[in-house]
Amino acid sequence: MHIALESPDQADIRSLIADLDRYQVALYPRESNHLLDIKVLMQPHVLFATARDAARVAQGCAAVVLHQDFGELKRMFVRPQARGQGIASALLSFLESQALGRGCPVLMLETGIRQPEAIALYRRFGYTERPAFSGYDIDPLSVFM
């Protein structure tokens, strides 16, 4: 698996993000989805990482939106057929390192209660639950870490 910062404005990554959007929409109502579109993901303060397999097929992605005092993990997704191979852990480690290298002191995130695997991953990496942050409303379907 090869992980690198890439532009999300590529056909295969657009397809990956469309799969992520369909996945999220199937799990949560519109008001509980906090999806960033390609235009936002292309901003200079966003680190967008892609995980590609040996055939260079995009199997996963994740982003960090850099704010003044923290970074927010967004758009973490691994295709269902590629799960269980450590891709999400590799993406998270990569983005943590990239954010730290840019002086980002802490990462925060919002995820959903219907994604126990994601919550378990974040806990393994030391993330703990916290109150809502950065303009998020309290939502019974959200977990803030």
N, C-alpha and C. Protein backbone atom coordinates (compact mmCIF):
# COMPACT_ATOMS: atom_id res chain seq x y z
N MET A 1 0.84 -1.17 0.00
CA MET A 1 0.00 0.00 0.00
C MET A 1 0.89 1.24 0.00
N HIS A 2 0.55 2.18 -0.84
CA HIS A 2 1.29 3.43 -0.92
C HIS A 2 0.37 4.57 -0.49
N ILE A 3 0.82 5.37 0.47
CA ILE A 3 0.03 6.50 0.96
C ILE A 3 0.78 7.78 0.67
N ALA A 4 0.06 8.75 0.13
CA ALA A 4 0.67 10.03 -0.20
C ALA A 4 -0.39 11.12 -0.18
N LEU A 5 0.08 12.35 -0.01
CA LEU A 5 -0.81 13.49 -0.18
C LEU A 5 -1.06 13.66 -1.67
N GLU A 6 -2.32 13.81 -2.02
CA GLU A 6 -2.71 13.95 -3.42
C GLU A 6 -3.83 14.96 -3.53
N SER A 7 -4.05 15.43 -4.73
CA SER A 7 -5.22 16.25 -5.00
C SER A 7 -6.45 15.34 -5.05
N PRO A 8 -7.53 15.72 -4.39
CA PRO A 8 -8.74 14.91 -4.47
C PRO A 8 -9.47 15.08 -5.81
N ASP A 9 -9.01 16.02 -6.62
CA ASP A 9 -9.67 16.30 -7.89
C ASP A 9 -9.12 15.39 -9.00
N GLN A 10 -9.31 14.09 -8.79
CA GLN A 10 -8.94 13.06 -9.76
C GLN A 10 -10.13 12.12 -9.89
N ALA A 11 -10.35 11.59 -11.07
CA ALA A 11 -11.55 10.78 -11.32
C ALA A 11 -11.67 9.62 -10.33
N ASP A 12 -10.59 8.89 -10.09
CA ASP A 12 -10.70 7.73 -9.21
C ASP A 12 -10.95 8.13 -7.75
N ILE A 13 -10.42 9.28 -7.36
CA ILE A 13 -10.65 9.75 -5.99
C ILE A 13 -12.05 10.32 -5.87
N ARG A 14 -12.53 10.98 -6.91
CA ARG A 14 -13.93 11.44 -6.90
C ARG A 14 -14.86 10.24 -6.72
N SER A 15 -14.55 9.14 -7.39
CA SER A 15 -15.35 7.92 -7.26
C SER A 15 -15.28 7.37 -5.83
N LEU A 16 -14.10 7.38 -5.25
CA LEU A 16 -13.92 6.92 -3.87
C LEU A 16 -14.74 7.78 -2.91
N ILE A 17 -14.70 9.09 -3.10
CA ILE A 17 -15.46 10.00 -2.24
C ILE A 17 -16.96 9.82 -2.45
N ALA A 18 -17.37 9.55 -3.67
CA ALA A 18 -18.79 9.28 -3.93
C ALA A 18 -19.23 8.01 -3.19
N ASP A 19 -18.36 7.00 -3.15
CA ASP A 19 -18.66 5.78 -2.38
C ASP A 19 -18.79 6.11 -0.90
N LEU A 20 -17.90 6.96 -0.40
CA LEU A 20 -17.96 7.39 1.00
C LEU A 20 -19.27 8.12 1.27
N ASP A 21 -19.66 9.02 0.39
CA ASP A 21 -20.91 9.76 0.58
C ASP A 21 -22.10 8.82 0.62
N ARG A 22 -22.15 7.85 -0.28
CA ARG A 22 -23.25 6.88 -0.28
C ARG A 22 -23.28 6.08 1.02
N TYR A 23 -22.11 5.70 1.50
CA TYR A 23 -21.99 4.97 2.77
C TYR A 23 -22.55 5.80 3.92
N GLN A 24 -22.13 7.06 4.00
CA GLN A 24 -22.57 7.94 5.09
C GLN A 24 -24.07 8.22 5.02
N VAL A 25 -24.59 8.48 3.83
CA VAL A 25 -26.01 8.78 3.66
C VAL A 25 -26.86 7.57 4.05
N ALA A 26 -26.36 6.37 3.83
CA ALA A 26 -27.09 5.16 4.22
C ALA A 26 -27.14 4.99 5.74
N LEU A 27 -26.17 5.56 6.45
CA LEU A 27 -26.10 5.39 7.90
C LEU A 27 -26.80 6.49 8.69
N TYR A 28 -26.79 7.71 8.16
CA TYR A 28 -27.22 8.87 8.95
C TYR A 28 -28.13 9.79 8.14
N PRO A 29 -29.04 10.49 8.86
CA PRO A 29 -29.86 11.49 8.16
C PRO A 29 -29.00 12.68 7.73
N ARG A 30 -29.51 13.43 6.80
CA ARG A 30 -28.77 14.56 6.22
C ARG A 30 -28.18 15.50 7.27
N GLU A 31 -28.96 15.82 8.30
CA GLU A 31 -28.50 16.78 9.31
C GLU A 31 -27.36 16.23 10.17
N SER A 32 -27.13 14.93 10.12
CA SER A 32 -26.05 14.33 10.89
C SER A 32 -24.82 14.02 10.05
N ASN A 33 -24.88 14.36 8.77
CA ASN A 33 -23.72 14.18 7.89
C ASN A 33 -22.99 15.51 7.74
N HIS A 34 -21.69 15.48 7.95
CA HIS A 34 -20.87 16.68 7.87
C HIS A 34 -19.80 16.47 6.79
N LEU A 35 -20.27 16.37 5.56
CA LEU A 35 -19.42 16.00 4.43
C LEU A 35 -18.75 17.24 3.83
N LEU A 36 -17.48 17.12 3.52
CA LEU A 36 -16.77 18.18 2.81
C LEU A 36 -16.69 17.81 1.34
N ASP A 37 -16.97 18.77 0.47
CA ASP A 37 -16.90 18.47 -0.96
C ASP A 37 -15.48 18.65 -1.49
N ILE A 38 -15.30 18.31 -2.73
CA ILE A 38 -13.98 18.34 -3.37
C ILE A 38 -13.37 19.75 -3.31
N LYS A 39 -14.16 20.78 -3.53
CA LYS A 39 -13.63 22.15 -3.52
C LYS A 39 -13.00 22.48 -2.17
N VAL A 40 -13.66 22.08 -1.09
CA VAL A 40 -13.10 22.33 0.24
C VAL A 40 -11.85 21.49 0.44
N LEU A 41 -11.89 20.24 0.02
CA LEU A 41 -10.75 19.35 0.19
C LEU A 41 -9.52 19.80 -0.59
N MET A 42 -9.71 20.66 -1.57
CA MET A 42 -8.59 21.16 -2.38
C MET A 42 -7.97 22.43 -1.82
N GLN A 43 -8.50 22.96 -0.73
CA GLN A 43 -7.97 24.19 -0.16
C GLN A 43 -6.57 23.97 0.41
N PRO A 44 -5.74 25.00 0.44
CA PRO A 44 -4.35 24.84 0.90
C PRO A 44 -4.21 24.43 2.36
N HIS A 45 -5.22 24.67 3.18
CA HIS A 45 -5.14 24.30 4.59
C HIS A 45 -5.67 22.89 4.86
N VAL A 46 -5.87 22.11 3.79
CA VAL A 46 -6.36 20.74 3.92
C VAL A 46 -5.30 19.78 3.40
N LEU A 47 -4.97 18.80 4.23
CA LEU A 47 -4.08 17.71 3.82
C LEU A 47 -4.96 16.54 3.42
N PHE A 48 -4.88 16.11 2.17
CA PHE A 48 -5.70 15.01 1.68
C PHE A 48 -4.79 13.85 1.30
N ALA A 49 -4.99 12.72 1.95
CA ALA A 49 -4.15 11.54 1.72
C ALA A 49 -4.95 10.44 1.04
N THR A 50 -4.28 9.73 0.15
CA THR A 50 -4.87 8.60 -0.55
C THR A 50 -4.01 7.37 -0.34
N ALA A 51 -4.66 6.25 -0.11
CA ALA A 51 -3.98 4.96 -0.02
C ALA A 51 -4.25 4.19 -1.31
N ARG A 52 -3.18 3.83 -2.00
CA ARG A 52 -3.31 3.11 -3.27
C ARG A 52 -2.65 1.74 -3.14
N ASP A 53 -3.28 0.76 -3.77
CA ASP A 53 -2.73 -0.60 -3.75
C ASP A 53 -1.62 -0.73 -4.79
N ALA A 54 -1.09 -1.94 -4.94
CA ALA A 54 0.02 -2.17 -5.86
C ALA A 54 -0.33 -1.84 -7.30
N ALA A 55 -1.61 -1.94 -7.65
CA ALA A 55 -2.06 -1.61 -9.00
C ALA A 55 -2.38 -0.12 -9.13
N ARG A 56 -2.10 0.67 -8.08
CA ARG A 56 -2.32 2.12 -8.03
C ARG A 56 -3.80 2.48 -7.98
N VAL A 57 -4.64 1.56 -7.52
CA VAL A 57 -6.07 1.82 -7.36
C VAL A 57 -6.29 2.44 -5.98
N ALA A 58 -7.01 3.53 -5.93
CA ALA A 58 -7.30 4.20 -4.66
C ALA A 58 -8.24 3.32 -3.83
N GLN A 59 -7.75 2.89 -2.67
CA GLN A 59 -8.54 2.03 -1.79
C GLN A 59 -9.01 2.74 -0.53
N GLY A 60 -8.42 3.90 -0.24
CA GLY A 60 -8.81 4.62 0.96
C GLY A 60 -8.36 6.06 0.88
N CYS A 61 -8.96 6.87 1.76
CA CYS A 61 -8.58 8.28 1.82
C CYS A 61 -8.89 8.82 3.20
N ALA A 62 -8.33 9.97 3.47
CA ALA A 62 -8.61 10.71 4.70
C ALA A 62 -8.02 12.10 4.53
N ALA A 63 -8.52 13.03 5.33
CA ALA A 63 -8.05 14.40 5.26
C ALA A 63 -7.91 14.98 6.65
N VAL A 64 -7.08 16.00 6.75
CA VAL A 64 -6.98 16.82 7.96
C VAL A 64 -7.17 18.26 7.51
N VAL A 65 -8.14 18.92 8.13
CA VAL A 65 -8.35 20.35 7.92
C VAL A 65 -7.58 21.06 9.02
N LEU A 66 -6.59 21.84 8.63
CA LEU A 66 -5.75 22.54 9.59
C LEU A 66 -6.40 23.86 9.99
N HIS A 67 -6.62 24.01 11.29
CA HIS A 67 -7.12 25.26 11.85
C HIS A 67 -5.96 25.90 12.62
N GLN A 68 -6.19 27.05 13.21
CA GLN A 68 -5.10 27.74 13.91
C GLN A 68 -4.56 26.93 15.08
N ASP A 69 -5.44 26.32 15.88
CA ASP A 69 -5.01 25.64 17.10
C ASP A 69 -5.17 24.12 17.08
N PHE A 70 -5.71 23.57 16.01
CA PHE A 70 -5.95 22.13 15.95
C PHE A 70 -6.18 21.72 14.50
N GLY A 71 -6.18 20.42 14.29
CA GLY A 71 -6.56 19.87 13.00
C GLY A 71 -7.78 19.00 13.18
N GLU A 72 -8.60 18.95 12.16
CA GLU A 72 -9.78 18.09 12.21
C GLU A 72 -9.67 16.99 11.18
N LEU A 73 -9.75 15.76 11.66
CA LEU A 73 -9.74 14.60 10.77
C LEU A 73 -11.10 14.50 10.08
N LYS A 74 -11.08 14.38 8.76
CA LYS A 74 -12.30 14.31 7.97
C LYS A 74 -12.14 13.26 6.86
N ARG A 75 -13.27 12.81 6.36
CA ARG A 75 -13.34 12.00 5.13
C ARG A 75 -12.52 10.72 5.17
N MET A 76 -12.41 10.11 6.35
CA MET A 76 -11.69 8.83 6.50
C MET A 76 -12.58 7.73 5.92
N PHE A 77 -12.03 6.98 4.97
CA PHE A 77 -12.81 5.92 4.33
C PHE A 77 -11.87 4.90 3.69
N VAL A 78 -12.24 3.64 3.84
CA VAL A 78 -11.57 2.54 3.15
C VAL A 78 -12.65 1.73 2.47
N ARG A 79 -12.43 1.41 1.21
CA ARG A 79 -13.41 0.60 0.48
C ARG A 79 -13.69 -0.70 1.25
N PRO A 80 -14.94 -1.13 1.29
CA PRO A 80 -15.28 -2.34 2.06
C PRO A 80 -14.42 -3.56 1.70
N GLN A 81 -14.12 -3.76 0.42
CA GLN A 81 -13.35 -4.93 0.01
C GLN A 81 -11.88 -4.84 0.43
N ALA A 82 -11.43 -3.66 0.85
CA ALA A 82 -10.03 -3.49 1.25
C ALA A 82 -9.87 -3.39 2.77
N ARG A 83 -10.95 -3.50 3.50
CA ARG A 83 -10.87 -3.37 4.96
C ARG A 83 -10.20 -4.58 5.57
N GLY A 84 -9.64 -4.39 6.75
CA GLY A 84 -8.96 -5.47 7.46
C GLY A 84 -7.51 -5.63 7.09
N GLN A 85 -6.98 -4.70 6.30
CA GLN A 85 -5.59 -4.78 5.85
C GLN A 85 -4.70 -3.72 6.49
N GLY A 86 -5.25 -2.97 7.45
CA GLY A 86 -4.47 -1.93 8.12
C GLY A 86 -4.40 -0.61 7.37
N ILE A 87 -5.24 -0.42 6.36
CA ILE A 87 -5.19 0.80 5.56
C ILE A 87 -5.61 2.01 6.39
N ALA A 88 -6.67 1.87 7.15
CA ALA A 88 -7.14 3.01 7.97
C ALA A 88 -6.07 3.41 8.99
N SER A 89 -5.45 2.44 9.62
CA SER A 89 -4.37 2.75 10.58
C SER A 89 -3.22 3.45 9.89
N ALA A 90 -2.86 2.98 8.71
CA ALA A 90 -1.75 3.60 7.97
C ALA A 90 -2.10 5.03 7.56
N LEU A 91 -3.34 5.25 7.10
CA LEU A 91 -3.76 6.59 6.73
C LEU A 91 -3.73 7.52 7.94
N LEU A 92 -4.25 7.04 9.07
CA LEU A 92 -4.28 7.87 10.27
C LEU A 92 -2.87 8.20 10.74
N SER A 93 -1.99 7.22 10.78
CA SER A 93 -0.60 7.47 11.18
C SER A 93 0.06 8.48 10.25
N PHE A 94 -0.14 8.31 8.96
CA PHE A 94 0.44 9.21 7.97
C PHE A 94 -0.04 10.64 8.19
N LEU A 95 -1.35 10.81 8.35
CA LEU A 95 -1.88 12.17 8.50
C LEU A 95 -1.50 12.78 9.84
N GLU A 96 -1.42 11.98 10.89
CA GLU A 96 -0.95 12.52 12.17
C GLU A 96 0.47 13.06 12.01
N SER A 97 1.32 12.31 11.34
CA SER A 97 2.70 12.73 11.11
C SER A 97 2.76 14.00 10.26
N GLN A 98 1.97 14.04 9.20
CA GLN A 98 1.94 15.21 8.32
C GLN A 98 1.47 16.45 9.08
N ALA A 99 0.42 16.30 9.88
CA ALA A 99 -0.11 17.43 10.64
C ALA A 99 0.90 17.91 11.68
N LEU A 100 1.50 16.98 12.39
CA LEU A 100 2.50 17.33 13.40
C LEU A 100 3.67 18.07 12.74
N GLY A 101 4.08 17.61 11.58
CA GLY A 101 5.17 18.25 10.86
C GLY A 101 4.86 19.67 10.42
N ARG A 102 3.59 20.01 10.40
CA ARG A 102 3.17 21.37 10.05
C ARG A 102 2.80 22.18 11.29
N GLY A 103 3.19 21.66 12.45
CA GLY A 103 2.98 22.39 13.70
C GLY A 103 1.60 22.24 14.31
N CYS A 104 0.83 21.28 13.85
CA CYS A 104 -0.51 21.07 14.39
C CYS A 104 -0.40 20.33 15.73
N PRO A 105 -0.85 20.96 16.83
CA PRO A 105 -0.63 20.37 18.16
C PRO A 105 -1.59 19.24 18.53
N VAL A 106 -2.77 19.20 17.92
CA VAL A 106 -3.76 18.19 18.31
C VAL A 106 -4.74 17.97 17.16
N LEU A 107 -5.22 16.73 17.04
CA LEU A 107 -6.26 16.42 16.07
C LEU A 107 -7.55 16.10 16.80
N MET A 108 -8.66 16.54 16.24
CA MET A 108 -9.98 16.23 16.75
C MET A 108 -10.81 15.67 15.60
N LEU A 109 -11.92 15.05 15.94
CA LEU A 109 -12.76 14.49 14.90
C LEU A 109 -14.19 14.33 15.39
N GLU A 110 -15.06 14.19 14.41
CA GLU A 110 -16.46 13.82 14.64
C GLU A 110 -16.70 12.58 13.82
N THR A 111 -17.29 11.57 14.45
CA THR A 111 -17.69 10.36 13.73
C THR A 111 -19.07 9.99 14.23
N GLY A 112 -19.61 8.91 13.70
CA GLY A 112 -20.97 8.54 14.05
C GLY A 112 -21.04 7.29 14.91
N ILE A 113 -22.11 7.20 15.67
CA ILE A 113 -22.30 6.08 16.58
C ILE A 113 -22.50 4.76 15.85
N ARG A 114 -22.86 4.81 14.58
CA ARG A 114 -23.09 3.59 13.80
C ARG A 114 -21.82 3.10 13.09
N GLN A 115 -20.67 3.59 13.53
CA GLN A 115 -19.40 3.19 12.96
C GLN A 115 -18.47 2.70 14.08
N PRO A 116 -18.81 1.58 14.70
CA PRO A 116 -18.02 1.09 15.83
C PRO A 116 -16.58 0.76 15.47
N GLU A 117 -16.33 0.33 14.24
CA GLU A 117 -14.96 0.02 13.83
C GLU A 117 -14.11 1.29 13.81
N ALA A 118 -14.70 2.39 13.32
CA ALA A 118 -13.97 3.66 13.29
C ALA A 118 -13.69 4.15 14.71
N ILE A 119 -14.69 4.08 15.56
CA ILE A 119 -14.50 4.50 16.95
C ILE A 119 -13.41 3.67 17.62
N ALA A 120 -13.42 2.37 17.38
CA ALA A 120 -12.38 1.50 17.96
C ALA A 120 -10.99 1.88 17.43
N LEU A 121 -10.89 2.18 16.15
CA LEU A 121 -9.60 2.61 15.57
C LEU A 121 -9.11 3.87 16.27
N TYR A 122 -9.96 4.85 16.39
CA TYR A 122 -9.55 6.10 17.02
C TYR A 122 -9.14 5.88 18.47
N ARG A 123 -9.86 5.04 19.17
CA ARG A 123 -9.48 4.75 20.56
C ARG A 123 -8.12 4.07 20.63
N ARG A 124 -7.85 3.15 19.70
CA ARG A 124 -6.53 2.49 19.66
C ARG A 124 -5.42 3.51 19.46
N PHE A 125 -5.71 4.58 18.77
CA PHE A 125 -4.72 5.64 18.52
C PHE A 125 -4.67 6.67 19.65
N GLY A 126 -5.47 6.46 20.70
CA GLY A 126 -5.42 7.34 21.85
C GLY A 126 -6.44 8.46 21.87
N TYR A 127 -7.34 8.49 20.90
CA TYR A 127 -8.38 9.51 20.90
C TYR A 127 -9.41 9.16 21.98
N THR A 128 -9.91 10.18 22.67
CA THR A 128 -10.92 10.00 23.70
C THR A 128 -12.10 10.92 23.40
N GLU A 129 -13.24 10.54 23.94
CA GLU A 129 -14.44 11.34 23.69
C GLU A 129 -14.32 12.70 24.37
N ARG A 130 -14.91 13.68 23.72
CA ARG A 130 -14.85 15.06 24.17
C ARG A 130 -16.16 15.74 23.78
N PRO A 131 -16.40 16.95 24.27
CA PRO A 131 -17.60 17.68 23.83
C PRO A 131 -17.50 18.10 22.36
N ALA A 132 -18.63 18.47 21.81
CA ALA A 132 -18.67 19.00 20.44
C ALA A 132 -17.72 20.20 20.34
N PHE A 133 -17.17 20.41 19.16
CA PHE A 133 -16.20 21.48 18.95
C PHE A 133 -16.46 22.19 17.63
N SER A 134 -15.83 23.33 17.47
CA SER A 134 -15.73 24.04 16.19
C SER A 134 -17.05 24.19 15.43
N GLY A 135 -18.09 24.61 16.14
CA GLY A 135 -19.35 24.89 15.47
C GLY A 135 -20.27 23.69 15.28
N TYR A 136 -19.85 22.51 15.68
CA TYR A 136 -20.74 21.35 15.61
C TYR A 136 -21.85 21.50 16.65
N ASP A 137 -23.03 21.08 16.30
CA ASP A 137 -24.12 20.99 17.26
C ASP A 137 -24.04 19.64 17.96
N ILE A 138 -24.54 19.60 19.17
CA ILE A 138 -24.66 18.31 19.86
C ILE A 138 -25.64 17.46 19.06
N ASP A 139 -25.27 16.24 18.78
CA ASP A 139 -26.08 15.34 17.96
C ASP A 139 -25.99 13.95 18.59
N PRO A 140 -27.11 13.33 18.91
CA PRO A 140 -27.06 12.00 19.53
C PRO A 140 -26.45 10.94 18.62
N LEU A 141 -26.30 11.24 17.34
CA LEU A 141 -25.69 10.28 16.42
C LEU A 141 -24.20 10.52 16.24
N SER A 142 -23.67 11.57 16.87
CA SER A 142 -22.26 11.92 16.73
C SER A 142 -21.45 11.52 17.94
N VAL A 143 -20.19 11.20 17.68
CA VAL A 143 -19.19 11.00 18.71
C VAL A 143 -18.07 11.96 18.39
N PHE A 144 -17.69 12.78 19.36
CA PHE A 144 -16.61 13.74 19.18
C PHE A 144 -15.40 13.23 19.94
N MET A 145 -14.26 13.28 19.30
CA MET A 145 -13.03 12.76 19.92
C MET A 145 -11.90 13.74 19.65
